[in-house]
N, C-alpha and C. Protein backbone atom coordinates (compact mmCIF):
# COMPACT_ATOMS: atom_id res chain seq x y z
N MET A 1 34.07 -66.06 -11.25
CA MET A 1 33.61 -67.48 -9.67
C MET A 1 32.38 -66.56 -8.83
N ILE A 2 31.69 -67.50 -9.08
CA ILE A 2 30.17 -66.95 -8.07
C ILE A 2 30.92 -67.30 -6.89
N ARG A 3 30.72 -66.83 -5.35
CA ARG A 3 30.75 -66.91 -4.15
C ARG A 3 29.36 -67.07 -3.93
N ILE A 4 28.72 -68.03 -3.56
CA ILE A 4 27.38 -68.43 -3.20
C ILE A 4 26.95 -68.77 -1.24
N PRO A 5 26.81 -67.52 -0.21
CA PRO A 5 26.98 -67.04 0.99
C PRO A 5 26.53 -68.66 1.43
N GLU A 6 27.30 -68.74 3.13
CA GLU A 6 26.72 -70.02 3.56
C GLU A 6 25.11 -70.47 4.03
N ARG A 7 24.54 -71.11 4.03
CA ARG A 7 23.35 -71.39 4.77
C ARG A 7 23.62 -72.04 5.97
N ARG A 8 22.75 -71.35 6.89
CA ARG A 8 22.48 -72.35 8.27
C ARG A 8 20.87 -71.58 8.02
N GLY A 9 20.87 -72.83 8.87
CA GLY A 9 19.12 -73.18 9.44
C GLY A 9 18.71 -72.90 8.33
N GLY A 10 18.65 -72.81 6.70
CA GLY A 10 17.64 -71.87 5.56
C GLY A 10 17.67 -70.49 5.47
N ARG A 11 18.95 -69.95 5.66
CA ARG A 11 19.60 -68.78 5.64
C ARG A 11 20.97 -67.68 5.13
N ALA A 12 20.77 -66.87 5.04
CA ALA A 12 22.10 -66.53 4.70
C ALA A 12 22.51 -66.20 5.59
N LYS A 13 23.95 -67.18 5.62
CA LYS A 13 24.77 -67.04 6.75
C LYS A 13 26.05 -65.34 6.68
N ASP A 14 25.89 -64.03 7.65
CA ASP A 14 25.51 -63.10 7.40
C ASP A 14 27.28 -62.61 7.86
N PRO A 15 28.18 -62.04 7.35
CA PRO A 15 28.97 -62.25 7.90
C PRO A 15 29.10 -60.69 9.02
N MET A 16 28.36 -59.78 8.51
CA MET A 16 28.59 -58.92 9.40
C MET A 16 27.75 -58.74 11.20
N HIS A 17 28.95 -58.51 11.78
CA HIS A 17 28.11 -58.52 13.22
C HIS A 17 27.15 -57.59 13.53
N PRO A 18 26.38 -58.13 14.23
CA PRO A 18 25.27 -57.46 14.78
C PRO A 18 25.43 -56.37 15.17
N SER A 19 26.18 -55.66 16.27
CA SER A 19 26.72 -54.82 17.03
C SER A 19 26.75 -53.48 15.31
N GLN A 20 27.84 -54.40 14.08
CA GLN A 20 27.99 -53.62 13.12
C GLN A 20 26.63 -52.79 12.35
N ARG A 21 25.88 -53.59 12.04
CA ARG A 21 24.18 -53.59 11.67
C ARG A 21 23.23 -52.39 12.46
N ILE A 22 23.79 -52.32 13.49
CA ILE A 22 23.23 -51.69 14.57
C ILE A 22 23.30 -50.35 14.20
N ASP A 23 25.25 -50.17 13.98
CA ASP A 23 26.02 -48.60 13.36
C ASP A 23 26.04 -48.39 12.40
N GLU A 24 25.68 -50.02 11.40
CA GLU A 24 24.91 -48.98 10.11
C GLU A 24 23.40 -47.99 10.27
N LEU A 25 22.70 -48.50 10.28
CA LEU A 25 20.83 -48.91 10.70
C LEU A 25 21.24 -47.26 11.40
N ILE A 26 22.03 -46.61 12.48
CA ILE A 26 22.08 -45.55 13.26
C ILE A 26 23.07 -44.68 12.30
N ALA A 27 23.14 -44.60 11.48
CA ALA A 27 24.00 -44.06 10.95
C ALA A 27 23.07 -43.43 9.60
N LYS A 28 21.81 -44.62 9.04
CA LYS A 28 21.06 -44.66 8.07
C LYS A 28 20.30 -43.68 8.13
N LEU A 29 19.57 -43.70 9.65
CA LEU A 29 18.56 -42.66 10.20
C LEU A 29 19.41 -41.85 10.98
N ALA A 30 19.62 -40.73 9.99
CA ALA A 30 20.54 -39.38 9.84
C ALA A 30 19.24 -37.55 10.37
N ASP A 31 18.13 -38.28 10.54
CA ASP A 31 17.60 -37.56 11.67
C ASP A 31 17.64 -38.04 13.25
N TRP A 32 16.57 -37.20 14.12
CA TRP A 32 16.00 -37.53 15.56
C TRP A 32 15.85 -38.97 15.97
N ARG A 33 15.84 -39.78 14.44
CA ARG A 33 15.57 -41.70 14.78
C ARG A 33 16.40 -42.04 14.71
N GLY A 34 17.85 -41.63 14.21
CA GLY A 34 19.70 -41.99 15.21
C GLY A 34 19.54 -41.71 16.28
N ARG A 35 19.50 -40.46 15.93
CA ARG A 35 20.39 -40.04 17.66
C ARG A 35 19.33 -40.67 18.94
N THR A 36 18.06 -41.22 18.82
CA THR A 36 17.32 -41.26 19.80
C THR A 36 17.74 -42.82 19.65
N LEU A 37 17.69 -43.67 18.93
CA LEU A 37 18.13 -44.90 19.28
C LEU A 37 19.67 -45.17 19.54
N ALA A 38 20.42 -44.34 19.03
CA ALA A 38 21.58 -44.20 19.48
C ALA A 38 21.62 -43.88 21.13
N SER A 39 20.53 -42.55 21.52
CA SER A 39 21.62 -42.91 23.12
C SER A 39 20.10 -43.34 23.52
N ILE A 40 19.82 -44.23 23.25
CA ILE A 40 18.40 -45.82 24.26
C ILE A 40 19.75 -46.63 23.84
N ARG A 41 20.39 -47.27 22.27
CA ARG A 41 21.63 -48.09 23.34
C ARG A 41 22.10 -48.17 23.73
N LYS A 42 23.11 -47.08 23.90
CA LYS A 42 24.41 -46.69 24.97
C LYS A 42 23.21 -46.46 26.60
N SER A 43 22.29 -46.41 26.52
CA SER A 43 22.55 -46.39 28.24
C SER A 43 21.26 -48.54 28.11
N ILE A 44 21.24 -48.82 27.18
CA ILE A 44 20.60 -50.33 27.93
C ILE A 44 22.19 -50.96 27.71
N LEU A 45 23.39 -50.23 26.78
CA LEU A 45 24.29 -51.53 27.10
C LEU A 45 24.99 -50.85 28.65
N ALA A 46 24.79 -49.70 29.00
CA ALA A 46 25.52 -49.01 30.18
C ALA A 46 24.62 -49.89 31.66
N ALA A 47 23.32 -50.58 30.81
CA ALA A 47 22.67 -50.90 32.31
C ALA A 47 23.02 -52.19 33.54
N ASP A 48 24.34 -53.28 31.99
CA ASP A 48 24.72 -53.80 32.28
C ASP A 48 25.36 -54.56 31.11
N PRO A 49 26.84 -55.06 31.26
CA PRO A 49 28.19 -55.14 30.29
C PRO A 49 27.78 -56.19 29.91
N GLN A 50 26.87 -57.43 30.20
CA GLN A 50 26.64 -58.57 29.66
C GLN A 50 25.84 -58.87 28.38
N ILE A 51 25.04 -57.43 28.02
CA ILE A 51 24.08 -57.42 27.80
C ILE A 51 24.69 -57.76 25.83
N ILE A 52 24.09 -57.91 25.43
CA ILE A 52 24.66 -59.16 24.30
C ILE A 52 23.41 -57.59 22.90
N GLU A 53 24.48 -57.83 21.88
CA GLU A 53 23.53 -56.78 20.22
C GLU A 53 23.57 -58.58 19.96
N GLU A 54 22.00 -58.12 19.02
CA GLU A 54 21.61 -59.30 18.18
C GLU A 54 21.45 -58.38 16.76
N TRP A 55 20.68 -59.13 16.02
CA TRP A 55 19.44 -58.18 14.95
C TRP A 55 19.27 -60.33 13.86
N LYS A 56 17.99 -59.19 14.44
CA LYS A 56 16.66 -60.56 14.25
C LYS A 56 15.71 -60.01 13.85
N TRP A 57 15.00 -61.08 13.16
CA TRP A 57 13.28 -60.41 12.71
C TRP A 57 13.38 -59.50 11.42
N LEU A 58 14.63 -59.49 10.30
CA LEU A 58 13.95 -58.86 8.94
C LEU A 58 14.89 -57.48 9.56
N GLY A 59 15.23 -57.10 10.62
CA GLY A 59 16.29 -55.83 10.37
C GLY A 59 16.27 -55.21 12.30
N SER A 60 16.26 -55.99 12.91
CA SER A 60 15.62 -55.28 13.78
C SER A 60 17.06 -55.33 15.36
N PRO A 61 17.50 -54.26 15.95
CA PRO A 61 18.29 -54.24 16.79
C PRO A 61 17.39 -55.30 17.76
N VAL A 62 17.86 -56.03 18.39
CA VAL A 62 17.32 -56.93 19.76
C VAL A 62 19.07 -57.13 20.89
N TRP A 63 18.57 -56.73 21.67
CA TRP A 63 19.42 -56.50 23.12
C TRP A 63 18.67 -57.82 23.94
N SER A 64 20.18 -59.09 24.33
CA SER A 64 19.83 -59.64 25.28
C SER A 64 20.56 -59.89 26.01
N ARG A 65 19.88 -61.13 27.45
CA ARG A 65 20.74 -61.80 27.85
C ARG A 65 19.76 -62.26 29.37
N TYR A 66 20.32 -63.74 29.05
CA TYR A 66 19.62 -64.70 29.27
C TYR A 66 17.90 -65.11 28.00
N GLY A 67 18.16 -64.44 27.69
CA GLY A 67 16.96 -64.19 26.00
C GLY A 67 17.42 -62.52 26.11
N THR A 68 15.95 -62.44 25.51
CA THR A 68 15.56 -61.44 24.78
C THR A 68 14.77 -60.07 26.07
N ILE A 69 15.66 -58.94 25.58
CA ILE A 69 14.80 -57.75 26.80
C ILE A 69 14.56 -56.64 25.82
N VAL A 70 14.98 -56.40 25.52
CA VAL A 70 14.35 -55.26 23.88
C VAL A 70 14.49 -55.39 22.76
N VAL A 71 13.36 -55.08 22.28
CA VAL A 71 13.47 -54.97 20.39
C VAL A 71 13.53 -53.20 20.39
N GLY A 72 14.45 -52.59 19.63
CA GLY A 72 14.67 -51.38 19.54
C GLY A 72 13.98 -51.50 17.27
N ASN A 73 12.64 -50.38 17.21
CA ASN A 73 12.45 -50.24 15.88
C ASN A 73 12.45 -48.80 15.12
N ALA A 74 12.78 -48.06 14.32
CA ALA A 74 12.51 -46.70 13.98
C ALA A 74 11.54 -47.17 12.94
N HIS A 75 10.52 -46.56 13.04
CA HIS A 75 9.24 -46.19 12.80
C HIS A 75 9.53 -45.06 12.10
N LYS A 76 8.16 -44.61 10.66
CA LYS A 76 7.89 -43.33 9.85
C LYS A 76 8.12 -42.03 10.93
N GLU A 77 7.10 -42.08 11.90
CA GLU A 77 7.52 -41.24 13.05
C GLU A 77 7.49 -41.31 14.27
N LYS A 78 8.46 -42.33 14.64
CA LYS A 78 8.43 -43.11 16.11
C LYS A 78 9.69 -43.87 16.25
N VAL A 79 10.83 -44.15 17.49
CA VAL A 79 11.50 -45.25 17.79
C VAL A 79 10.46 -45.91 18.77
N LYS A 80 10.42 -47.26 18.09
CA LYS A 80 9.44 -47.92 19.38
C LYS A 80 10.58 -49.23 20.09
N LEU A 81 10.13 -48.89 21.25
CA LEU A 81 11.53 -49.92 22.33
C LEU A 81 10.68 -51.21 22.96
N THR A 82 10.45 -52.02 22.41
CA THR A 82 9.49 -53.21 23.13
C THR A 82 9.92 -54.12 23.76
N PHE A 83 9.18 -54.36 24.60
CA PHE A 83 10.49 -54.64 26.56
C PHE A 83 9.79 -57.40 26.06
N ALA A 84 9.91 -57.28 25.85
CA ALA A 84 10.10 -58.88 25.51
C ALA A 84 8.89 -59.79 26.78
N HIS A 85 9.20 -59.53 28.25
CA HIS A 85 8.86 -59.45 29.10
C HIS A 85 7.91 -58.62 30.06
N GLY A 86 7.35 -57.02 28.95
CA GLY A 86 7.64 -56.18 29.71
C GLY A 86 6.05 -56.33 31.14
N ALA A 87 5.04 -57.14 31.12
CA ALA A 87 3.86 -57.05 31.75
C ALA A 87 4.68 -57.76 33.11
N LYS A 88 5.81 -58.35 32.60
CA LYS A 88 6.04 -58.99 33.99
C LYS A 88 6.70 -58.00 35.08
N LEU A 89 7.33 -56.51 34.95
CA LEU A 89 8.06 -55.58 34.88
C LEU A 89 7.12 -54.86 35.77
N ARG A 90 8.10 -54.38 37.31
CA ARG A 90 7.90 -52.93 37.80
C ARG A 90 8.13 -51.96 36.83
N ASP A 91 7.53 -50.91 36.83
CA ASP A 91 7.77 -49.69 36.29
C ASP A 91 7.27 -48.83 36.69
N PRO A 92 8.11 -48.23 37.98
CA PRO A 92 7.97 -47.04 39.11
C PRO A 92 7.70 -46.07 38.18
N ASP A 93 8.69 -45.49 37.58
CA ASP A 93 9.06 -44.60 36.48
C ASP A 93 7.85 -43.89 35.20
N LYS A 94 7.16 -45.21 35.12
CA LYS A 94 5.82 -45.37 34.26
C LYS A 94 6.71 -44.80 32.56
N LEU A 95 7.95 -45.77 32.40
CA LEU A 95 8.48 -45.22 31.20
C LEU A 95 7.92 -45.67 29.45
N PHE A 96 6.75 -47.20 29.96
CA PHE A 96 5.80 -47.93 29.58
C PHE A 96 5.11 -46.87 28.80
N ASN A 97 4.37 -46.69 27.59
CA ASN A 97 3.32 -45.43 26.77
C ASN A 97 3.10 -46.73 25.68
N ALA A 98 2.95 -48.29 25.69
CA ALA A 98 2.29 -48.24 24.46
C ALA A 98 1.97 -50.49 24.91
N GLY A 99 1.45 -50.94 24.21
CA GLY A 99 0.82 -52.08 24.47
C GLY A 99 0.75 -52.85 25.86
N LEU A 100 -0.26 -51.56 26.75
CA LEU A 100 -0.55 -51.60 28.09
C LEU A 100 -1.32 -53.56 28.27
N GLU A 101 -2.27 -53.03 27.44
CA GLU A 101 -2.96 -54.09 27.51
C GLU A 101 -2.86 -55.65 27.50
N GLY A 102 -1.70 -55.91 26.76
CA GLY A 102 -1.03 -57.24 26.53
C GLY A 102 -0.32 -57.19 27.38
N ASN A 103 -0.31 -59.46 27.85
CA ASN A 103 -0.56 -60.01 28.60
C ASN A 103 1.65 -60.47 28.68
N LEU A 104 1.90 -59.45 27.57
CA LEU A 104 3.86 -60.39 28.14
C LEU A 104 4.28 -59.04 27.21
N TRP A 105 4.14 -57.99 26.16
CA TRP A 105 4.93 -57.10 25.66
C TRP A 105 4.20 -56.11 26.52
N ARG A 106 5.62 -55.26 26.26
CA ARG A 106 4.43 -53.56 27.54
C ARG A 106 6.19 -52.41 26.34
N ALA A 107 5.91 -51.31 26.29
CA ALA A 107 6.62 -50.26 24.92
C ALA A 107 6.74 -49.32 25.01
N ILE A 108 7.23 -48.36 24.78
CA ILE A 108 8.05 -47.32 25.14
C ILE A 108 8.29 -46.79 23.32
N ASP A 109 6.75 -45.98 23.76
CA ASP A 109 6.68 -45.02 22.18
C ASP A 109 7.65 -43.51 22.18
N LEU A 110 8.86 -43.61 21.76
CA LEU A 110 8.84 -42.68 21.59
C LEU A 110 8.87 -41.63 20.29
N PHE A 111 8.54 -39.96 19.91
CA PHE A 111 8.60 -39.24 18.87
C PHE A 111 9.41 -38.05 18.96
N GLU A 112 9.71 -37.47 18.32
CA GLU A 112 9.92 -36.79 17.55
C GLU A 112 10.76 -35.56 19.29
N GLY A 113 11.27 -35.68 19.46
CA GLY A 113 11.53 -34.31 20.58
C GLY A 113 11.34 -35.03 22.42
N ASP A 114 10.56 -35.88 22.00
CA ASP A 114 10.86 -36.64 23.25
C ASP A 114 11.78 -36.80 24.35
N LYS A 115 12.51 -37.29 25.27
CA LYS A 115 13.15 -37.45 26.18
C LYS A 115 12.91 -38.94 27.00
N ILE A 116 13.77 -39.75 26.91
CA ILE A 116 13.89 -40.57 28.37
C ILE A 116 14.90 -40.59 29.13
N ASN A 117 14.40 -41.21 30.15
CA ASN A 117 14.99 -40.62 31.47
C ASN A 117 15.95 -42.65 31.76
N ALA A 118 17.19 -41.76 31.30
CA ALA A 118 18.16 -42.52 30.83
C ALA A 118 18.36 -43.58 32.46
N ARG A 119 18.62 -43.45 33.75
CA ARG A 119 18.38 -43.75 34.79
C ARG A 119 17.37 -44.42 34.52
N ALA A 120 15.96 -44.38 34.49
CA ALA A 120 14.70 -45.20 34.34
C ALA A 120 15.26 -45.94 33.84
N LEU A 121 15.64 -45.88 31.93
CA LEU A 121 16.10 -47.52 31.69
C LEU A 121 16.55 -48.24 31.88
N LYS A 122 17.74 -47.56 32.56
CA LYS A 122 18.98 -49.02 32.87
C LYS A 122 18.09 -49.50 33.65
N ASN A 123 16.99 -48.83 35.29
CA ASN A 123 16.68 -49.85 35.73
C ASN A 123 15.59 -50.91 35.11
N LEU A 124 14.74 -50.27 34.13
CA LEU A 124 13.87 -51.07 33.22
C LEU A 124 14.93 -52.23 32.80
N VAL A 125 15.94 -51.86 31.94
CA VAL A 125 16.79 -52.86 31.67
C VAL A 125 17.38 -53.68 32.28
N ARG A 126 17.60 -53.57 34.39
CA ARG A 126 18.43 -54.65 34.76
C ARG A 126 17.28 -55.47 34.82
N ALA A 127 16.49 -54.86 35.46
CA ALA A 127 14.68 -56.14 35.98
C ALA A 127 14.29 -56.61 34.62
N ALA A 128 13.98 -55.71 33.98
CA ALA A 128 14.15 -57.35 32.44
C ALA A 128 15.63 -58.39 32.56
N VAL A 129 17.11 -58.27 32.93
CA VAL A 129 17.70 -59.40 33.25
C VAL A 129 17.11 -59.80 34.03
N ASP A 130 16.88 -59.30 35.24
CA ASP A 130 16.83 -59.88 36.34
C ASP A 130 15.29 -61.40 36.12
N TYR A 131 14.11 -60.43 35.60
CA TYR A 131 13.56 -61.64 35.29
C TYR A 131 13.55 -62.76 34.17
N ASN A 132 14.39 -62.29 33.63
CA ASN A 132 15.11 -63.29 32.23
C ASN A 132 15.58 -64.35 33.26
N GLN A 133 16.66 -64.21 34.64
CA GLN A 133 17.31 -65.19 34.02
C GLN A 133 17.23 -66.02 35.55
N THR A 134 15.60 -65.17 36.57
CA THR A 134 15.37 -65.84 37.48
C THR A 134 14.05 -66.74 36.71
N LYS A 135 13.59 -66.34 35.09
CA LYS A 135 12.85 -67.43 34.33
C LYS A 135 13.81 -68.05 33.81
N LEU A 136 14.97 -68.39 33.28
CA LEU A 136 16.08 -69.87 33.26
C LEU A 136 16.39 -70.43 34.13
N LYS A 137 16.16 -69.82 35.72
CA LYS A 137 16.48 -71.24 36.87
C LYS A 137 14.90 -71.93 37.10
N ASN A 138 13.70 -71.47 36.73
CA ASN A 138 12.28 -71.86 36.86
C ASN A 138 12.47 -73.37 35.46
N LYS A 139 13.19 -73.10 35.13
CA LYS A 139 13.23 -73.84 33.22
C LYS A 139 14.52 -75.24 33.38
N ALA A 140 14.84 -75.57 34.86
CA ALA A 140 15.65 -75.96 35.08
C ALA A 140 15.18 -77.57 34.86
N PRO A 141 15.84 -78.54 33.68
CA PRO A 141 15.94 -79.70 33.29
C PRO A 141 15.43 -80.46 34.40
N ALA A 142 14.82 -80.92 34.26
CA ALA A 142 14.61 -81.81 35.06
C ALA A 142 14.92 -83.34 35.95
N GLY A 143 15.94 -83.16 35.11
CA GLY A 143 17.41 -84.20 35.82
C GLY A 143 17.60 -83.52 37.14
N ARG A 144 17.95 -82.69 37.05
CA ARG A 144 18.14 -81.20 37.82
C ARG A 144 17.40 -81.28 39.37
N ARG A 145 16.04 -81.04 38.83
CA ARG A 145 15.00 -80.69 40.04
C ARG A 145 15.61 -82.47 40.96
N ALA A 146 14.87 -81.69 42.77
CA ALA A 146 15.19 -82.54 43.28
C ALA A 146 13.78 -84.20 43.12
N LYS A 147 14.13 -85.07 43.29
CA LYS A 147 13.27 -86.32 42.71
C LYS A 147 11.95 -86.43 44.27
N VAL A 148 10.82 -86.65 44.29
CA VAL A 148 10.13 -86.38 45.19
C VAL A 148 10.10 -88.64 45.42
N ARG A 149 10.46 -88.82 46.73
CA ARG A 149 10.31 -90.66 46.79
C ARG A 149 9.06 -90.90 47.45
N GLU A 150 8.64 -91.87 47.19
CA GLU A 150 7.69 -92.38 47.46
C GLU A 150 7.65 -93.45 48.48
């Protein structure tokens, strides 16, 4: 008997947990990119214990809390961390080195041999969580906002 995967939202439902998928991706990257992604992941998760790991966009690790914080991708020559609202975040340690011209996203490109400041990355992740939380508060449903009397 052939089992057809459950469908939800037009896509096959994947039984593998996103964290397992990220583990699998890191294991497949047997070079410096896997080690770099594993180190970055550790710093991101250490920044806030409520961060959720997700697997989106045809195979990208995503870390979220109150919305997307950062997407991690391993390319042939680099590991790229793209912060969803990076343009809105203070970056006193100057970690962002890509996507600087955009209005929304900012990225950190890491090449072989590059080291990232774990403390600075955690601070940037915390700033992104704070931004996402503030953004949510500003989007309160109309029924909960104070009504103006005329």
